[in-house]
PDB file of N, CA and C in Angstrom:
ATOM      1  N   UNK A   1     172.286 -39.693 -11.455  1.00  0.00           N
ATOM      2  CA  UNK A   1     172.789 -38.350 -11.246  1.00  0.00           C
ATOM      3  C   UNK A   1     172.151 -37.418 -12.269  1.00  0.00           C
ATOM      4  N   UNK A   2     171.910 -36.213 -11.823  1.00  0.00           N
ATOM      5  CA  UNK A   2     171.286 -35.223 -12.682  1.00  0.00           C
ATOM      6  C   UNK A   2     172.025 -33.902 -12.523  1.00  0.00           C
ATOM      7  N   UNK A   3     172.296 -33.255 -13.643  1.00  0.00           N
ATOM      8  CA  UNK A   3     172.950 -31.946 -13.606  1.00  0.00           C
ATOM      9  C   UNK A   3     171.910 -30.880 -13.942  1.00  0.00           C
ATOM     10  N   UNK A   4     171.912 -29.802 -13.137  1.00  0.00           N
ATOM     11  CA  UNK A   4     170.976 -28.707 -13.357  1.00  0.00           C
ATOM     12  C   UNK A   4     171.722 -27.386 -13.288  1.00  0.00           C
ATOM     13  N   UNK A   5     171.233 -26.435 -14.058  1.00  0.00           N
ATOM     14  CA  UNK A   5     171.698 -25.058 -13.949  1.00  0.00           C
ATOM     15  C   UNK A   5     170.521 -24.235 -13.455  1.00  0.00           C
ATOM     16  N   UNK A   6     170.733 -23.553 -12.341  1.00  0.00           N
ATOM     17  CA  UNK A   6     169.683 -22.786 -11.687  1.00  0.00           C
ATOM     18  C   UNK A   6     170.031 -21.302 -11.785  1.00  0.00           C
ATOM     19  N   UNK A   7     169.058 -20.481 -12.191  1.00  0.00           N
ATOM     20  CA  UNK A   7     169.248 -19.030 -12.228  1.00  0.00           C
ATOM     21  C   UNK A   7     169.007 -18.468 -10.835  1.00  0.00           C
ATOM     22  N   UNK A   8     169.986 -17.720 -10.338  1.00  0.00           N
ATOM     23  CA  UNK A   8     169.921 -17.176  -8.985  1.00  0.00           C
ATOM     24  C   UNK A   8     170.235 -15.684  -9.043  1.00  0.00           C
ATOM     25  N   UNK A   9     169.409 -14.886  -8.382  1.00  0.00           N
ATOM     26  CA  UNK A   9     169.680 -13.450  -8.319  1.00  0.00           C
ATOM     27  C   UNK A   9     170.137 -13.074  -6.918  1.00  0.00           C
ATOM     28  N   UNK A  10     170.895 -11.992  -6.861  1.00  0.00           N
ATOM     29  CA  UNK A  10     171.348 -11.483  -5.575  1.00  0.00           C
ATOM     30  C   UNK A  10     172.815 -11.756  -5.283  1.00  0.00           C
ATOM     31  N   UNK A  11     173.467 -12.593  -6.089  1.00  0.00           N
ATOM     32  CA  UNK A  11     174.891 -12.845  -5.880  1.00  0.00           C
ATOM     33  C   UNK A  11     175.679 -11.716  -6.543  1.00  0.00           C
ATOM     34  N   UNK A  12     176.607 -11.112  -5.800  1.00  0.00           N
ATOM     35  CA  UNK A  12     177.367  -9.992  -6.360  1.00  0.00           C
ATOM     36  C   UNK A  12     178.882 -10.136  -6.229  1.00  0.00           C
ATOM     37  N   UNK A  13     179.335 -11.231  -5.604  1.00  0.00           N
ATOM     38  CA  UNK A  13     180.777 -11.379  -5.390  1.00  0.00           C
ATOM     39  C   UNK A  13     181.123 -12.847  -5.137  1.00  0.00           C
ATOM     40  N   UNK A  14     182.409 -13.118  -5.009  1.00  0.00           N
ATOM     41  CA  UNK A  14     182.862 -14.480  -4.736  1.00  0.00           C
ATOM     42  C   UNK A  14     182.348 -14.991  -3.399  1.00  0.00           C
ATOM     43  N   UNK A  15     182.193 -14.101  -2.431  1.00  0.00           N
ATOM     44  CA  UNK A  15     181.648 -14.504  -1.136  1.00  0.00           C
ATOM     45  C   UNK A  15     180.220 -15.004  -1.262  1.00  0.00           C
ATOM     46  N   UNK A  16     179.456 -14.362  -2.127  1.00  0.00           N
ATOM     47  CA  UNK A  16     178.078 -14.808  -2.378  1.00  0.00           C
ATOM     48  C   UNK A  16     178.089 -16.211  -2.985  1.00  0.00           C
ATOM     49  N   UNK A  17     178.992 -16.432  -3.924  1.00  0.00           N
ATOM     50  CA  UNK A  17     179.120 -17.762  -4.530  1.00  0.00           C
ATOM     51  C   UNK A  17     179.400 -18.802  -3.456  1.00  0.00           C
ATOM     52  N   UNK A  18     180.304 -18.485  -2.553  1.00  0.00           N
ATOM     53  CA  UNK A  18     180.650 -19.415  -1.481  1.00  0.00           C
ATOM     54  C   UNK A  18     179.461 -19.692  -0.575  1.00  0.00           C
ATOM     55  N   UNK A  19     178.677 -18.665  -0.279  1.00  0.00           N
ATOM     56  CA  UNK A  19     177.496 -18.851   0.567  1.00  0.00           C
ATOM     57  C   UNK A  19     176.515 -19.831  -0.061  1.00  0.00           C
ATOM     58  N   UNK A  20     176.248 -19.660  -1.353  1.00  0.00           N
ATOM     59  CA  UNK A  20     175.317 -20.541  -2.055  1.00  0.00           C
ATOM     60  C   UNK A  20     175.889 -21.954  -2.133  1.00  0.00           C
ATOM     61  N   UNK A  21     177.168 -22.066  -2.472  1.00  0.00           N
ATOM     62  CA  UNK A  21     177.796 -23.386  -2.584  1.00  0.00           C
ATOM     63  C   UNK A  21     177.765 -24.123  -1.248  1.00  0.00           C
ATOM     64  N   UNK A  22     178.062 -23.425  -0.176  1.00  0.00           N
ATOM     65  CA  UNK A  22     178.042 -24.051   1.153  1.00  0.00           C
ATOM     66  C   UNK A  22     176.637 -24.518   1.512  1.00  0.00           C
ATOM     67  N   UNK A  23     175.639 -23.688   1.251  1.00  0.00           N
ATOM     68  CA  UNK A  23     174.257 -24.054   1.562  1.00  0.00           C
ATOM     69  C   UNK A  23     173.853 -25.323   0.809  1.00  0.00           C
ATOM     70  N   UNK A  24     174.246 -25.419  -0.449  1.00  0.00           N
ATOM     71  CA  UNK A  24     173.859 -26.595  -1.239  1.00  0.00           C
ATOM     72  C   UNK A  24     174.668 -27.833  -0.870  1.00  0.00           C
ATOM     73  N   UNK A  25     175.927 -27.650  -0.515  1.00  0.00           N
ATOM     74  CA  UNK A  25     176.741 -28.810  -0.119  1.00  0.00           C
ATOM     75  C   UNK A  25     176.215 -29.451   1.161  1.00  0.00           C
ATOM     76  N   UNK A  26     175.503 -28.680   1.960  1.00  0.00           N
ATOM     77  CA  UNK A  26     174.934 -29.211   3.195  1.00  0.00           C
ATOM     78  C   UNK A  26     173.698 -30.076   2.959  1.00  0.00           C
ATOM     79  N   UNK A  27     173.174 -30.078   1.738  1.00  0.00           N
ATOM     80  CA  UNK A  27     172.028 -30.929   1.396  1.00  0.00           C
ATOM     81  C   UNK A  27     172.503 -32.339   1.071  1.00  0.00           C
ATOM     82  N   UNK A  28     171.813 -33.332   1.582  1.00  0.00           N
ATOM     83  CA  UNK A  28     172.117 -34.711   1.211  1.00  0.00           C
ATOM     84  C   UNK A  28     171.804 -34.908  -0.261  1.00  0.00           C
ATOM     85  N   UNK A  29     172.692 -35.579  -0.972  1.00  0.00           N
ATOM     86  CA  UNK A  29     172.455 -35.903  -2.367  1.00  0.00           C
ATOM     87  C   UNK A  29     173.051 -34.924  -3.348  1.00  0.00           C
ATOM     88  N   UNK A  30     173.701 -33.875  -2.866  1.00  0.00           N
ATOM     89  CA  UNK A  30     174.368 -32.923  -3.752  1.00  0.00           C
ATOM     90  C   UNK A  30     175.830 -33.329  -3.851  1.00  0.00           C
ATOM     91  N   UNK A  31     176.271 -33.650  -5.062  1.00  0.00           N
ATOM     92  CA  UNK A  31     177.646 -34.125  -5.193  1.00  0.00           C
ATOM     93  C   UNK A  31     178.604 -33.073  -5.741  1.00  0.00           C
ATOM     94  N   UNK A  32     178.084 -32.068  -6.456  1.00  0.00           N
ATOM     95  CA  UNK A  32     178.950 -31.022  -6.989  1.00  0.00           C
ATOM     96  C   UNK A  32     178.151 -29.737  -7.118  1.00  0.00           C
ATOM     97  N   UNK A  33     178.803 -28.610  -6.786  1.00  0.00           N
ATOM     98  CA  UNK A  33     178.153 -27.293  -6.871  1.00  0.00           C
ATOM     99  C   UNK A  33     179.176 -26.291  -7.385  1.00  0.00           C
ATOM    100  N   UNK A  34     178.731 -25.460  -8.320  1.00  0.00           N
ATOM    101  CA  UNK A  34     179.583 -24.363  -8.785  1.00  0.00           C
ATOM    102  C   UNK A  34     178.697 -23.153  -9.065  1.00  0.00           C
ATOM    103  N   UNK A  35     178.884 -22.099  -8.285  1.00  0.00           N
ATOM    104  CA  UNK A  35     178.113 -20.870  -8.453  1.00  0.00           C
ATOM    105  C   UNK A  35     178.938 -19.865  -9.249  1.00  0.00           C
ATOM    106  N   UNK A  36     178.249 -19.037 -10.034  1.00  0.00           N
ATOM    107  CA  UNK A  36     178.894 -17.998 -10.837  1.00  0.00           C
ATOM    108  C   UNK A  36     178.073 -16.717 -10.697  1.00  0.00           C
ATOM    109  N   UNK A  37     178.597 -15.768  -9.906  1.00  0.00           N
ATOM    110  CA  UNK A  37     177.831 -14.541  -9.659  1.00  0.00           C
ATOM    111  C   UNK A  37     177.720 -13.663 -10.901  1.00  0.00           C
ATOM    112  N   UNK A  38     178.684 -13.741 -11.803  1.00  0.00           N
ATOM    113  CA  UNK A  38     178.630 -12.921 -13.010  1.00  0.00           C
ATOM    114  C   UNK A  38     177.544 -13.409 -13.972  1.00  0.00           C
ATOM    115  N   UNK A  39     177.323 -14.711 -14.014  1.00  0.00           N
ATOM    116  CA  UNK A  39     176.284 -15.286 -14.881  1.00  0.00           C
ATOM    117  C   UNK A  39     174.960 -15.462 -14.154  1.00  0.00           C
ATOM    118  N   UNK A  40     174.955 -15.224 -12.847  1.00  0.00           N
ATOM    119  CA  UNK A  40     173.758 -15.441 -12.014  1.00  0.00           C
ATOM    120  C   UNK A  40     173.252 -16.874 -12.121  1.00  0.00           C
ATOM    121  N   UNK A  41     174.179 -17.828 -12.074  1.00  0.00           N
ATOM    122  CA  UNK A  41     173.796 -19.241 -12.161  1.00  0.00           C
ATOM    123  C   UNK A  41     174.506 -20.074 -11.113  1.00  0.00           C
ATOM    124  N   UNK A  42     173.895 -21.226 -10.841  1.00  0.00           N
ATOM    125  CA  UNK A  42     174.502 -22.247  -9.995  1.00  0.00           C
ATOM    126  C   UNK A  42     174.335 -23.569 -10.728  1.00  0.00           C
ATOM    127  N   UNK A  43     175.450 -24.249 -10.979  1.00  0.00           N
ATOM    128  CA  UNK A  43     175.418 -25.587 -11.567  1.00  0.00           C
ATOM    129  C   UNK A  43     175.512 -26.592 -10.432  1.00  0.00           C
ATOM    130  N   UNK A  44     174.591 -27.545 -10.406  1.00  0.00           N
ATOM    131  CA  UNK A  44     174.599 -28.573  -9.374  1.00  0.00           C
ATOM    132  C   UNK A  44     174.486 -29.953 -10.007  1.00  0.00           C
ATOM    133  N   UNK A  45     175.129 -30.920  -9.378  1.00  0.00           N
ATOM    134  CA  UNK A  45     174.976 -32.322  -9.748  1.00  0.00           C
ATOM    135  C   UNK A  45     174.319 -33.001  -8.558  1.00  0.00           C
ATOM    136  N   UNK A  46     173.156 -33.590  -8.817  1.00  0.00           N
ATOM    137  CA  UNK A  46     172.322 -34.161  -7.764  1.00  0.00           C
ATOM    138  C   UNK A  46     172.130 -35.650  -7.963  1.00  0.00           C
ATOM    139  N   UNK A  47     172.059 -36.368  -6.867  1.00  0.00           N
ATOM    140  CA  UNK A  47     171.657 -37.769  -6.927  1.00  0.00           C
ATOM    141  C   UNK A  47     170.162 -37.828  -7.186  1.00  0.00           C
ATOM    142  N   UNK A  48     169.691 -38.940  -7.715  1.00  0.00           N
ATOM    143  CA  UNK A  48     168.263 -39.115  -7.947  1.00  0.00           C
ATOM    144  C   UNK A  48     167.513 -38.965  -6.627  1.00  0.00           C
ATOM    145  N   UNK A  49     166.375 -38.312  -6.677  1.00  0.00           N
ATOM    146  CA  UNK A  49     165.538 -38.185  -5.497  1.00  0.00           C
ATOM    147  C   UNK A  49     165.677 -36.874  -4.755  1.00  0.00           C
ATOM    148  N   UNK A  50     166.632 -36.026  -5.136  1.00  0.00           N
ATOM    149  CA  UNK A  50     166.759 -34.722  -4.491  1.00  0.00           C
ATOM    150  C   UNK A  50     165.702 -33.807  -5.111  1.00  0.00           C
ATOM    151  N   UNK A  51     164.838 -33.255  -4.274  1.00  0.00           N
ATOM    152  CA  UNK A  51     163.731 -32.441  -4.754  1.00  0.00           C
ATOM    153  C   UNK A  51     164.187 -31.033  -5.118  1.00  0.00           C
ATOM    154  N   UNK A  52     163.637 -30.514  -6.218  1.00  0.00           N
ATOM    155  CA  UNK A  52     163.932 -29.137  -6.625  1.00  0.00           C
ATOM    156  C   UNK A  52     163.591 -28.158  -5.514  1.00  0.00           C
ATOM    157  N   UNK A  53     162.495 -28.413  -4.819  1.00  0.00           N
ATOM    158  CA  UNK A  53     162.078 -27.529  -3.733  1.00  0.00           C
ATOM    159  C   UNK A  53     163.113 -27.440  -2.628  1.00  0.00           C
ATOM    160  N   UNK A  54     163.780 -28.557  -2.333  1.00  0.00           N
ATOM    161  CA  UNK A  54     164.822 -28.547  -1.299  1.00  0.00           C
ATOM    162  C   UNK A  54     166.025 -27.726  -1.743  1.00  0.00           C
ATOM    163  N   UNK A  55     166.390 -27.861  -3.011  1.00  0.00           N
ATOM    164  CA  UNK A  55     167.513 -27.100  -3.561  1.00  0.00           C
ATOM    165  C   UNK A  55     167.180 -25.609  -3.530  1.00  0.00           C
ATOM    166  N   UNK A  56     165.996 -25.252  -4.019  1.00  0.00           N
ATOM    167  CA  UNK A  56     165.584 -23.849  -4.041  1.00  0.00           C
ATOM    168  C   UNK A  56     165.506 -23.281  -2.628  1.00  0.00           C
ATOM    169  N   UNK A  57     164.985 -24.047  -1.695  1.00  0.00           N
ATOM    170  CA  UNK A  57     164.868 -23.585  -0.308  1.00  0.00           C
ATOM    171  C   UNK A  57     166.240 -23.315   0.299  1.00  0.00           C
ATOM    172  N   UNK A  58     167.216 -24.152   0.010  1.00  0.00           N
ATOM    173  CA  UNK A  58     168.569 -23.952   0.542  1.00  0.00           C
ATOM    174  C   UNK A  58     169.167 -22.652   0.008  1.00  0.00           C
ATOM    175  N   UNK A  59     168.958 -22.386  -1.281  1.00  0.00           N
ATOM    176  CA  UNK A  59     169.463 -21.147  -1.873  1.00  0.00           C
ATOM    177  C   UNK A  59     168.775 -19.943  -1.238  1.00  0.00           C
ATOM    178  N   UNK A  60     167.464 -20.024  -1.076  1.00  0.00           N
ATOM    179  CA  UNK A  60     166.721 -18.907  -0.506  1.00  0.00           C
ATOM    180  C   UNK A  60     167.065 -18.688   0.964  1.00  0.00           C
ATOM    181  N   UNK A  61     167.306 -19.756   1.706  1.00  0.00           N
ATOM    182  CA  UNK A  61     167.699 -19.615   3.110  1.00  0.00           C
ATOM    183  C   UNK A  61     169.073 -18.972   3.237  1.00  0.00           C
ATOM    184  N   UNK A  62     169.906 -19.108   2.189  1.00  0.00           N
ATOM    185  CA  UNK A  62     171.214 -18.468   2.189  1.00  0.00           C
ATOM    186  C   UNK A  62     171.098 -16.982   1.858  1.00  0.00           C
ATOM    187  N   UNK A  63     169.894 -16.538   1.462  1.00  0.00           N
ATOM    188  CA  UNK A  63     169.675 -15.115   1.233  1.00  0.00           C
ATOM    189  C   UNK A  63     169.591 -14.690  -0.213  1.00  0.00           C
ATOM    190  N   UNK A  64     169.398 -15.631  -1.125  1.00  0.00           N
ATOM    191  CA  UNK A  64     169.363 -15.330  -2.548  1.00  0.00           C
ATOM    192  C   UNK A  64     168.043 -15.807  -3.150  1.00  0.00           C
ATOM    193  N   UNK A  65     167.712 -15.309  -4.332  1.00  0.00           N
ATOM    194  CA  UNK A  65     166.450 -15.643  -4.962  1.00  0.00           C
ATOM    195  C   UNK A  65     166.664 -16.541  -6.164  1.00  0.00           C
ATOM    196  N   UNK A  66     165.776 -17.521  -6.300  1.00  0.00           N
ATOM    197  CA  UNK A  66     165.796 -18.433  -7.436  1.00  0.00           C
ATOM    198  C   UNK A  66     164.825 -17.892  -8.469  1.00  0.00           C
ATOM    199  N   UNK A  67     165.318 -17.711  -9.706  1.00  0.00           N
ATOM    200  CA  UNK A  67     164.441 -17.273 -10.800  1.00  0.00           C
ATOM    201  C   UNK A  67     163.659 -18.468 -11.317  1.00  0.00           C
ATOM    202  N   UNK A  68     162.385 -18.265 -11.567  1.00  0.00           N
ATOM    203  CA  UNK A  68     161.546 -19.346 -12.107  1.00  0.00           C
ATOM    204  C   UNK A  68     161.841 -19.582 -13.575  1.00  0.00           C
TER     205      UNK A  68
END
């Protein structure tokens, strides 16, 4: 298991947090997600083998941007 904190822009409310969390929960290998729109971060716990690109793509498909 690996824990990551990802910087995400574009979240402005609790609904945005829910959108990002739902998008990530739909990925195989994601065991925990917590988004914080005030800090512009998403904390995720991933099983080994989950690619960063897949996580970033899920966030971007939900309509938000991942900071490099």
